[in-house]
């Protein structure tokens, strides 16, 4: 087997990214649907996904009968997402836009961003700008489902996560390592290493990036700065609608339910 190493942003390899994250797609789609029914007061089925990536949730929500729109910065991800919708016969719109300063034509009943992508926004102004942009895009009573990991500033250990998945002869192993959060700079360094085996070739890829950090107090402060969005509930990454949690440092994996003020 031939082996090669590539320093490659994993957003430039949407197939491998998609294979790794597809496991939770059905559960996430079900949660979004139930959350809209419970917390939203808008009757429509128009869905917006900032940072839509490979389009797995665009496809999932379209399969559930929703009118889907997504945007991302990565041309590779947008092309992959557009082609997957077309291949399944679903209508949908994908655009290249920035998370911190976007405007959309029309209004949406539901918006969602579930896998900590929000933490790529490295300043308070950009994070607030994103939430304000989402608020503009929602109808009154529409909801935003925002998933992210909080940081424990007292934890000096490295975090590690590992995924193994395969599809149609492509086998992917992904190891993600996070370094301790810097309380002063409000940043944490993260590295992904992928080993991909397909067609007799093994590829090793590494991606490095920086996230902005939040503890519960910092996140609550940010949410208060955008009064157009009311924080109505918090869940965790089990996506159980009967498992509502408190927004606290006792639960680092959090899924926020934010509702546009009517």
C-alpha atoms as a PDB file:
ATOM      1  CA  UNK A   1       0.000   0.000   0.000  1.00  0.00           C
ATOM      2  CA  UNK A   2       1.319   3.445  -0.986  1.00  0.00           C
ATOM      3  CA  UNK A   3       1.383   6.080   1.780  1.00  0.00           C
ATOM      4  CA  UNK A   4       1.421   9.874   1.422  1.00  0.00           C
ATOM      5  CA  UNK A   5       1.244  12.737   3.956  1.00  0.00           C
ATOM      6  CA  UNK A   6      -0.610  15.975   3.256  1.00  0.00           C
ATOM      7  CA  UNK A   7      -0.999  19.182   5.280  1.00  0.00           C
ATOM      8  CA  UNK A   8      -4.573  19.760   4.178  1.00  0.00           C
ATOM      9  CA  UNK A   9      -7.461  21.676   5.671  1.00  0.00           C
ATOM     10  CA  UNK A  10     -10.118  19.021   6.199  1.00  0.00           C
ATOM     11  CA  UNK A  11     -12.691  21.392   4.731  1.00  0.00           C
ATOM     12  CA  UNK A  12     -10.852  20.851   1.437  1.00  0.00           C
ATOM     13  CA  UNK A  13     -11.637  17.111   1.616  1.00  0.00           C
ATOM     14  CA  UNK A  14     -15.430  17.038   2.052  1.00  0.00           C
ATOM     15  CA  UNK A  15     -15.885  13.321   1.367  1.00  0.00           C
ATOM     16  CA  UNK A  16     -13.687  12.241   4.281  1.00  0.00           C
ATOM     17  CA  UNK A  17     -15.174  14.898   6.564  1.00  0.00           C
ATOM     18  CA  UNK A  18     -18.644  13.691   5.598  1.00  0.00           C
ATOM     19  CA  UNK A  19     -17.838  10.040   6.286  1.00  0.00           C
ATOM     20  CA  UNK A  20     -16.610  10.873   9.789  1.00  0.00           C
ATOM     21  CA  UNK A  21     -19.579  13.003  10.855  1.00  0.00           C
ATOM     22  CA  UNK A  22     -22.494  11.236   9.181  1.00  0.00           C
ATOM     23  CA  UNK A  23     -23.193   8.902  12.126  1.00  0.00           C
ATOM     24  CA  UNK A  24     -25.285  11.420  14.081  1.00  0.00           C
ATOM     25  CA  UNK A  25     -27.120  12.918  11.106  1.00  0.00           C
ATOM     26  CA  UNK A  26     -30.488  11.191  11.610  1.00  0.00           C
ATOM     27  CA  UNK A  27     -30.479  11.895  15.355  1.00  0.00           C
ATOM     28  CA  UNK A  28     -29.581  15.553  14.790  1.00  0.00           C
ATOM     29  CA  UNK A  29     -32.295  15.926  12.159  1.00  0.00           C
ATOM     30  CA  UNK A  30     -34.904  14.430  14.489  1.00  0.00           C
ATOM     31  CA  UNK A  31     -33.817  16.761  17.291  1.00  0.00           C
ATOM     32  CA  UNK A  32     -34.033  19.837  15.055  1.00  0.00           C
ATOM     33  CA  UNK A  33     -37.517  18.860  13.941  1.00  0.00           C
ATOM     34  CA  UNK A  34     -38.755  18.253  17.500  1.00  0.00           C
ATOM     35  CA  UNK A  35     -37.076  21.405  18.816  1.00  0.00           C
ATOM     36  CA  UNK A  36     -38.794  23.533  16.182  1.00  0.00           C
ATOM     37  CA  UNK A  37     -42.150  21.967  17.068  1.00  0.00           C
ATOM     38  CA  UNK A  38     -41.654  22.535  20.803  1.00  0.00           C
ATOM     39  CA  UNK A  39     -39.995  25.952  20.937  1.00  0.00           C
ATOM     40  CA  UNK A  40     -40.747  27.679  17.657  1.00  0.00           C
ATOM     41  CA  UNK A  41     -43.924  29.653  17.119  1.00  0.00           C
ATOM     42  CA  UNK A  42     -43.410  30.072  13.374  1.00  0.00           C
ATOM     43  CA  UNK A  43     -45.486  27.626  11.314  1.00  0.00           C
ATOM     44  CA  UNK A  44     -43.199  27.322   8.290  1.00  0.00           C
ATOM     45  CA  UNK A  45     -40.501  24.814   7.271  1.00  0.00           C
ATOM     46  CA  UNK A  46     -37.777  27.102   5.943  1.00  0.00           C
ATOM     47  CA  UNK A  47     -34.356  26.119   7.307  1.00  0.00           C
ATOM     48  CA  UNK A  48     -31.021  27.950   7.192  1.00  0.00           C
ATOM     49  CA  UNK A  49     -27.689  26.308   8.023  1.00  0.00           C
ATOM     50  CA  UNK A  50     -24.720  28.648   8.518  1.00  0.00           C
ATOM     51  CA  UNK A  51     -21.456  26.776   7.885  1.00  0.00           C
ATOM     52  CA  UNK A  52     -23.314  23.931   6.173  1.00  0.00           C
ATOM     53  CA  UNK A  53     -20.124  22.027   5.325  1.00  0.00           C
ATOM     54  CA  UNK A  54     -20.672  18.889   3.264  1.00  0.00           C
ATOM     55  CA  UNK A  55     -24.440  19.367   3.301  1.00  0.00           C
ATOM     56  CA  UNK A  56     -25.289  16.234   5.289  1.00  0.00           C
ATOM     57  CA  UNK A  57     -27.903  18.100   7.356  1.00  0.00           C
ATOM     58  CA  UNK A  58     -29.171  19.990   4.321  1.00  0.00           C
ATOM     59  CA  UNK A  59     -29.927  16.619   2.767  1.00  0.00           C
ATOM     60  CA  UNK A  60     -31.390  15.262   6.006  1.00  0.00           C
ATOM     61  CA  UNK A  61     -33.748  18.183   6.517  1.00  0.00           C
ATOM     62  CA  UNK A  62     -34.734  18.163   2.836  1.00  0.00           C
ATOM     63  CA  UNK A  63     -35.553  14.461   3.237  1.00  0.00           C
ATOM     64  CA  UNK A  64     -37.818  15.437   6.119  1.00  0.00           C
ATOM     65  CA  UNK A  65     -39.708  17.855   3.878  1.00  0.00           C
ATOM     66  CA  UNK A  66     -38.002  21.153   4.726  1.00  0.00           C
ATOM     67  CA  UNK A  67     -37.015  23.949   2.356  1.00  0.00           C
ATOM     68  CA  UNK A  68     -33.241  24.143   2.912  1.00  0.00           C
ATOM     69  CA  UNK A  69     -30.645  26.872   2.431  1.00  0.00           C
ATOM     70  CA  UNK A  70     -27.022  26.748   3.526  1.00  0.00           C
ATOM     71  CA  UNK A  71     -23.839  28.729   3.241  1.00  0.00           C
ATOM     72  CA  UNK A  72     -20.153  28.129   3.879  1.00  0.00           C
ATOM     73  CA  UNK A  73     -16.764  29.673   3.099  1.00  0.00           C
ATOM     74  CA  UNK A  74     -15.240  26.532   1.569  1.00  0.00           C
ATOM     75  CA  UNK A  75     -15.762  26.199  -2.208  1.00  0.00           C
ATOM     76  CA  UNK A  76     -15.040  22.459  -1.951  1.00  0.00           C
ATOM     77  CA  UNK A  77     -17.723  21.958   0.693  1.00  0.00           C
ATOM     78  CA  UNK A  78     -20.263  24.015  -1.245  1.00  0.00           C
ATOM     79  CA  UNK A  79     -19.670  22.031  -4.426  1.00  0.00           C
ATOM     80  CA  UNK A  80     -20.020  18.742  -2.516  1.00  0.00           C
ATOM     81  CA  UNK A  81     -23.217  19.924  -0.782  1.00  0.00           C
ATOM     82  CA  UNK A  82     -24.780  21.151  -4.019  1.00  0.00           C
ATOM     83  CA  UNK A  83     -23.985  17.925  -5.855  1.00  0.00           C
ATOM     84  CA  UNK A  84     -25.364  15.706  -3.072  1.00  0.00           C
ATOM     85  CA  UNK A  85     -28.692  17.587  -3.042  1.00  0.00           C
ATOM     86  CA  UNK A  86     -28.959  17.333  -6.819  1.00  0.00           C
ATOM     87  CA  UNK A  87     -28.058  13.626  -6.776  1.00  0.00           C
ATOM     88  CA  UNK A  88     -30.920  12.910  -4.358  1.00  0.00           C
ATOM     89  CA  UNK A  89     -33.370  15.050  -6.310  1.00  0.00           C
ATOM     90  CA  UNK A  90     -33.741  17.641  -3.556  1.00  0.00           C
ATOM     91  CA  UNK A  91     -34.052  21.337  -4.157  1.00  0.00           C
ATOM     92  CA  UNK A  92     -31.910  23.599  -2.015  1.00  0.00           C
ATOM     93  CA  UNK A  93     -29.743  26.668  -2.176  1.00  0.00           C
ATOM     94  CA  UNK A  94     -26.102  26.964  -1.169  1.00  0.00           C
ATOM     95  CA  UNK A  95     -24.049  30.155  -1.122  1.00  0.00           C
ATOM     96  CA  UNK A  96     -20.602  31.346  -0.144  1.00  0.00           C
ATOM     97  CA  UNK A  97     -20.965  33.718   2.803  1.00  0.00           C
ATOM     98  CA  UNK A  98     -19.216  34.603   6.041  1.00  0.00           C
ATOM     99  CA  UNK A  99     -20.695  33.643   9.397  1.00  0.00           C
ATOM    100  CA  UNK A 100     -20.043  36.946  11.147  1.00  0.00           C
ATOM    101  CA  UNK A 101     -21.690  39.301   8.647  1.00  0.00           C
ATOM    102  CA  UNK A 102     -24.298  37.741   6.400  1.00  0.00           C
ATOM    103  CA  UNK A 103     -27.638  38.843   5.042  1.00  0.00           C
ATOM    104  CA  UNK A 104     -30.171  36.563   3.411  1.00  0.00           C
ATOM    105  CA  UNK A 105     -33.092  37.126   1.117  1.00  0.00           C
ATOM    106  CA  UNK A 106     -36.252  35.975   2.802  1.00  0.00           C
ATOM    107  CA  UNK A 107     -36.780  34.784   6.370  1.00  0.00           C
ATOM    108  CA  UNK A 108     -36.385  31.387   8.034  1.00  0.00           C
ATOM    109  CA  UNK A 109     -38.261  29.459  10.687  1.00  0.00           C
ATOM    110  CA  UNK A 110     -35.246  27.473  11.868  1.00  0.00           C
ATOM    111  CA  UNK A 111     -31.481  27.977  11.741  1.00  0.00           C
ATOM    112  CA  UNK A 112     -28.865  25.599  13.114  1.00  0.00           C
ATOM    113  CA  UNK A 113     -25.106  25.196  13.543  1.00  0.00           C
ATOM    114  CA  UNK A 114     -24.251  22.123  15.599  1.00  0.00           C
ATOM    115  CA  UNK A 115     -20.580  21.122  15.646  1.00  0.00           C
ATOM    116  CA  UNK A 116     -18.719  23.993  17.374  1.00  0.00           C
ATOM    117  CA  UNK A 117     -18.168  25.843  14.083  1.00  0.00           C
ATOM    118  CA  UNK A 118     -19.358  28.950  15.919  1.00  0.00           C
ATOM    119  CA  UNK A 119     -16.049  28.902  17.817  1.00  0.00           C
ATOM    120  CA  UNK A 120     -14.124  29.736  14.627  1.00  0.00           C
ATOM    121  CA  UNK A 121     -15.323  33.302  15.255  1.00  0.00           C
ATOM    122  CA  UNK A 122     -12.300  34.508  17.206  1.00  0.00           C
ATOM    123  CA  UNK A 123     -13.506  37.872  18.530  1.00  0.00           C
ATOM    124  CA  UNK A 124     -16.487  38.963  20.607  1.00  0.00           C
ATOM    125  CA  UNK A 125     -17.527  41.363  17.850  1.00  0.00           C
ATOM    126  CA  UNK A 126     -17.567  38.571  15.253  1.00  0.00           C
ATOM    127  CA  UNK A 127     -19.500  36.231  17.549  1.00  0.00           C
ATOM    128  CA  UNK A 128     -22.051  38.950  18.288  1.00  0.00           C
ATOM    129  CA  UNK A 129     -22.226  39.852  14.605  1.00  0.00           C
ATOM    130  CA  UNK A 130     -23.064  36.255  13.781  1.00  0.00           C
ATOM    131  CA  UNK A 131     -25.887  36.090  16.312  1.00  0.00           C
ATOM    132  CA  UNK A 132     -27.260  39.420  15.094  1.00  0.00           C
ATOM    133  CA  UNK A 133     -27.116  38.139  11.499  1.00  0.00           C
ATOM    134  CA  UNK A 134     -29.034  35.012  12.509  1.00  0.00           C
ATOM    135  CA  UNK A 135     -31.630  37.135  14.320  1.00  0.00           C
ATOM    136  CA  UNK A 136     -32.151  39.195  11.151  1.00  0.00           C
ATOM    137  CA  UNK A 137     -32.619  36.016   9.127  1.00  0.00           C
ATOM    138  CA  UNK A 138     -35.268  34.472  11.406  1.00  0.00           C
ATOM    139  CA  UNK A 139     -38.986  35.186  11.426  1.00  0.00           C
ATOM    140  CA  UNK A 140     -40.415  36.298  14.795  1.00  0.00           C
ATOM    141  CA  UNK A 141     -40.737  33.117  16.857  1.00  0.00           C
ATOM    142  CA  UNK A 142     -38.138  31.305  14.751  1.00  0.00           C
ATOM    143  CA  UNK A 143     -35.406  29.392  16.551  1.00  0.00           C
ATOM    144  CA  UNK A 144     -31.639  28.987  16.295  1.00  0.00           C
ATOM    145  CA  UNK A 145     -30.095  25.711  17.483  1.00  0.00           C
ATOM    146  CA  UNK A 146     -26.430  26.293  18.317  1.00  0.00           C
ATOM    147  CA  UNK A 147     -24.123  23.467  19.424  1.00  0.00           C
ATOM    148  CA  UNK A 148     -20.678  23.972  20.951  1.00  0.00           C
ATOM    149  CA  UNK A 149     -18.192  22.739  23.535  1.00  0.00           C
ATOM    150  CA  UNK A 150     -17.535  24.917  26.568  1.00  0.00           C
ATOM    151  CA  UNK A 151     -14.026  25.114  28.035  1.00  0.00           C
ATOM    152  CA  UNK A 152     -12.817  24.232  31.512  1.00  0.00           C
ATOM    153  CA  UNK A 153     -10.015  26.736  32.122  1.00  0.00           C
ATOM    154  CA  UNK A 154      -8.767  24.749  35.114  1.00  0.00           C
ATOM    155  CA  UNK A 155      -8.207  21.597  33.049  1.00  0.00           C
ATOM    156  CA  UNK A 156      -4.559  21.506  31.961  1.00  0.00           C
ATOM    157  CA  UNK A 157      -4.770  18.150  30.163  1.00  0.00           C
ATOM    158  CA  UNK A 158      -5.065  17.560  26.439  1.00  0.00           C
ATOM    159  CA  UNK A 159      -8.400  16.316  25.118  1.00  0.00           C
ATOM    160  CA  UNK A 160      -8.591  13.507  22.569  1.00  0.00           C
ATOM    161  CA  UNK A 161     -11.391  12.180  20.405  1.00  0.00           C
ATOM    162  CA  UNK A 162     -11.255   9.369  17.856  1.00  0.00           C
ATOM    163  CA  UNK A 163     -13.657   8.365  15.070  1.00  0.00           C
ATOM    164  CA  UNK A 164     -13.481   5.365  12.750  1.00  0.00           C
ATOM    165  CA  UNK A 165     -15.871   5.104   9.798  1.00  0.00           C
ATOM    166  CA  UNK A 166     -16.077   3.728   6.269  1.00  0.00           C
ATOM    167  CA  UNK A 167     -18.167   4.121   3.146  1.00  0.00           C
ATOM    168  CA  UNK A 168     -17.982   2.371  -0.229  1.00  0.00           C
ATOM    169  CA  UNK A 169     -14.471   1.064   0.259  1.00  0.00           C
ATOM    170  CA  UNK A 170     -13.100   4.245   1.829  1.00  0.00           C
ATOM    171  CA  UNK A 171     -11.901   3.778   5.420  1.00  0.00           C
ATOM    172  CA  UNK A 172     -11.270   6.856   7.570  1.00  0.00           C
ATOM    173  CA  UNK A 173      -9.690   7.160  11.022  1.00  0.00           C
ATOM    174  CA  UNK A 174      -9.808  10.635  12.553  1.00  0.00           C
ATOM    175  CA  UNK A 175      -8.012  11.670  15.756  1.00  0.00           C
ATOM    176  CA  UNK A 176      -8.662  15.133  17.168  1.00  0.00           C
ATOM    177  CA  UNK A 177      -6.503  16.589  19.918  1.00  0.00           C
ATOM    178  CA  UNK A 178      -7.187  19.791  21.809  1.00  0.00           C
ATOM    179  CA  UNK A 179      -4.700  21.707  23.942  1.00  0.00           C
ATOM    180  CA  UNK A 180      -5.652  23.409  27.236  1.00  0.00           C
ATOM    181  CA  UNK A 181      -7.666  26.598  26.819  1.00  0.00           C
ATOM    182  CA  UNK A 182      -5.861  29.897  27.368  1.00  0.00           C
ATOM    183  CA  UNK A 183      -8.016  31.868  29.812  1.00  0.00           C
ATOM    184  CA  UNK A 184      -6.353  35.202  29.007  1.00  0.00           C
ATOM    185  CA  UNK A 185      -6.378  34.936  25.206  1.00  0.00           C
ATOM    186  CA  UNK A 186      -9.718  33.068  25.095  1.00  0.00           C
ATOM    187  CA  UNK A 187      -8.282  30.580  22.574  1.00  0.00           C
ATOM    188  CA  UNK A 188      -7.542  26.872  22.307  1.00  0.00           C
ATOM    189  CA  UNK A 189      -5.465  25.038  19.731  1.00  0.00           C
ATOM    190  CA  UNK A 190      -6.908  21.975  17.982  1.00  0.00           C
ATOM    191  CA  UNK A 191      -5.378  19.441  15.599  1.00  0.00           C
ATOM    192  CA  UNK A 192      -7.031  16.809  13.421  1.00  0.00           C
ATOM    193  CA  UNK A 193      -5.117  13.873  11.960  1.00  0.00           C
ATOM    194  CA  UNK A 194      -6.816  11.627   9.404  1.00  0.00           C
ATOM    195  CA  UNK A 195      -5.698   8.315   7.969  1.00  0.00           C
ATOM    196  CA  UNK A 196      -7.629   7.479   4.804  1.00  0.00           C
ATOM    197  CA  UNK A 197      -7.365   4.146   2.985  1.00  0.00           C
ATOM    198  CA  UNK A 198      -8.934   3.739  -0.434  1.00  0.00           C
ATOM    199  CA  UNK A 199      -8.014   1.994  -3.691  1.00  0.00           C
ATOM    200  CA  UNK A 200      -4.784   0.622  -2.237  1.00  0.00           C
ATOM    201  CA  UNK A 201      -3.522   4.047  -1.202  1.00  0.00           C
ATOM    202  CA  UNK A 202      -3.112   5.325   2.362  1.00  0.00           C
ATOM    203  CA  UNK A 203      -3.232   9.099   2.852  1.00  0.00           C
ATOM    204  CA  UNK A 204      -2.335  10.843   6.083  1.00  0.00           C
ATOM    205  CA  UNK A 205      -3.681  14.362   6.517  1.00  0.00           C
ATOM    206  CA  UNK A 206      -3.249  16.931   9.267  1.00  0.00           C
ATOM    207  CA  UNK A 207      -5.251  20.085   9.944  1.00  0.00           C
ATOM    208  CA  UNK A 208      -4.553  22.685  12.653  1.00  0.00           C
ATOM    209  CA  UNK A 209      -6.853  25.472  13.786  1.00  0.00           C
ATOM    210  CA  UNK A 210      -7.707  27.788  16.678  1.00  0.00           C
ATOM    211  CA  UNK A 211     -11.048  28.090  18.460  1.00  0.00           C
ATOM    212  CA  UNK A 212     -12.397  30.874  20.641  1.00  0.00           C
ATOM    213  CA  UNK A 213     -13.196  29.622  24.135  1.00  0.00           C
ATOM    214  CA  UNK A 214     -16.235  30.084  26.356  1.00  0.00           C
ATOM    215  CA  UNK A 215     -17.215  29.040  29.811  1.00  0.00           C
ATOM    216  CA  UNK A 216     -20.854  29.278  30.867  1.00  0.00           C
ATOM    217  CA  UNK A 217     -20.499  32.812  32.273  1.00  0.00           C
ATOM    218  CA  UNK A 218     -18.834  34.103  29.097  1.00  0.00           C
ATOM    219  CA  UNK A 219     -21.461  32.500  26.902  1.00  0.00           C
ATOM    220  CA  UNK A 220     -24.334  33.923  28.947  1.00  0.00           C
ATOM    221  CA  UNK A 221     -22.734  37.373  28.685  1.00  0.00           C
ATOM    222  CA  UNK A 222     -22.540  37.073  24.900  1.00  0.00           C
ATOM    223  CA  UNK A 223     -26.161  35.963  24.663  1.00  0.00           C
ATOM    224  CA  UNK A 224     -27.316  38.929  26.773  1.00  0.00           C
ATOM    225  CA  UNK A 225     -25.626  41.261  24.283  1.00  0.00           C
ATOM    226  CA  UNK A 226     -28.026  40.105  21.546  1.00  0.00           C
ATOM    227  CA  UNK A 227     -31.488  40.645  23.080  1.00  0.00           C
ATOM    228  CA  UNK A 228     -33.233  39.823  19.801  1.00  0.00           C
ATOM    229  CA  UNK A 229     -32.510  36.150  20.575  1.00  0.00           C
ATOM    230  CA  UNK A 230     -34.019  34.742  23.763  1.00  0.00           C
ATOM    231  CA  UNK A 231     -32.263  31.755  25.333  1.00  0.00           C
ATOM    232  CA  UNK A 232     -35.137  29.337  25.982  1.00  0.00           C
ATOM    233  CA  UNK A 233     -33.434  25.980  26.687  1.00  0.00           C
ATOM    234  CA  UNK A 234     -30.141  24.087  26.832  1.00  0.00           C
ATOM    235  CA  UNK A 235     -29.475  20.469  25.865  1.00  0.00           C
ATOM    236  CA  UNK A 236     -26.396  18.317  25.385  1.00  0.00           C
ATOM    237  CA  UNK A 237     -25.015  16.275  22.497  1.00  0.00           C
ATOM    238  CA  UNK A 238     -27.238  13.276  23.258  1.00  0.00           C
ATOM    239  CA  UNK A 239     -30.015  15.272  21.519  1.00  0.00           C
ATOM    240  CA  UNK A 240     -32.721  14.006  23.885  1.00  0.00           C
ATOM    241  CA  UNK A 241     -35.589  16.486  24.027  1.00  0.00           C
ATOM    242  CA  UNK A 242     -36.602  15.184  27.454  1.00  0.00           C
ATOM    243  CA  UNK A 243     -33.042  15.807  28.724  1.00  0.00           C
ATOM    244  CA  UNK A 244     -33.022  19.584  29.233  1.00  0.00           C
ATOM    245  CA  UNK A 245     -29.899  20.836  31.011  1.00  0.00           C
ATOM    246  CA  UNK A 246     -28.750  23.975  32.790  1.00  0.00           C
ATOM    247  CA  UNK A 247     -26.246  26.216  31.037  1.00  0.00           C
ATOM    248  CA  UNK A 248     -23.408  25.691  33.486  1.00  0.00           C
ATOM    249  CA  UNK A 249     -19.788  24.604  33.628  1.00  0.00           C
ATOM    250  CA  UNK A 250     -20.932  21.208  34.880  1.00  0.00           C
ATOM    251  CA  UNK A 251     -21.989  20.345  31.303  1.00  0.00           C
ATOM    252  CA  UNK A 252     -19.336  21.227  28.703  1.00  0.00           C
ATOM    253  CA  UNK A 253     -21.217  19.906  25.647  1.00  0.00           C
ATOM    254  CA  UNK A 254     -24.136  22.248  25.134  1.00  0.00           C
ATOM    255  CA  UNK A 255     -26.847  22.788  22.541  1.00  0.00           C
ATOM    256  CA  UNK A 256     -28.554  26.157  22.915  1.00  0.00           C
ATOM    257  CA  UNK A 257     -32.125  26.865  21.838  1.00  0.00           C
ATOM    258  CA  UNK A 258     -32.438  30.565  20.973  1.00  0.00           C
ATOM    259  CA  UNK A 259     -35.756  32.094  19.859  1.00  0.00           C
ATOM    260  CA  UNK A 260     -36.247  35.291  17.876  1.00  0.00           C
ATOM    261  CA  UNK A 261     -38.268  37.753  19.933  1.00  0.00           C
ATOM    262  CA  UNK A 262     -41.791  38.315  18.628  1.00  0.00           C
END
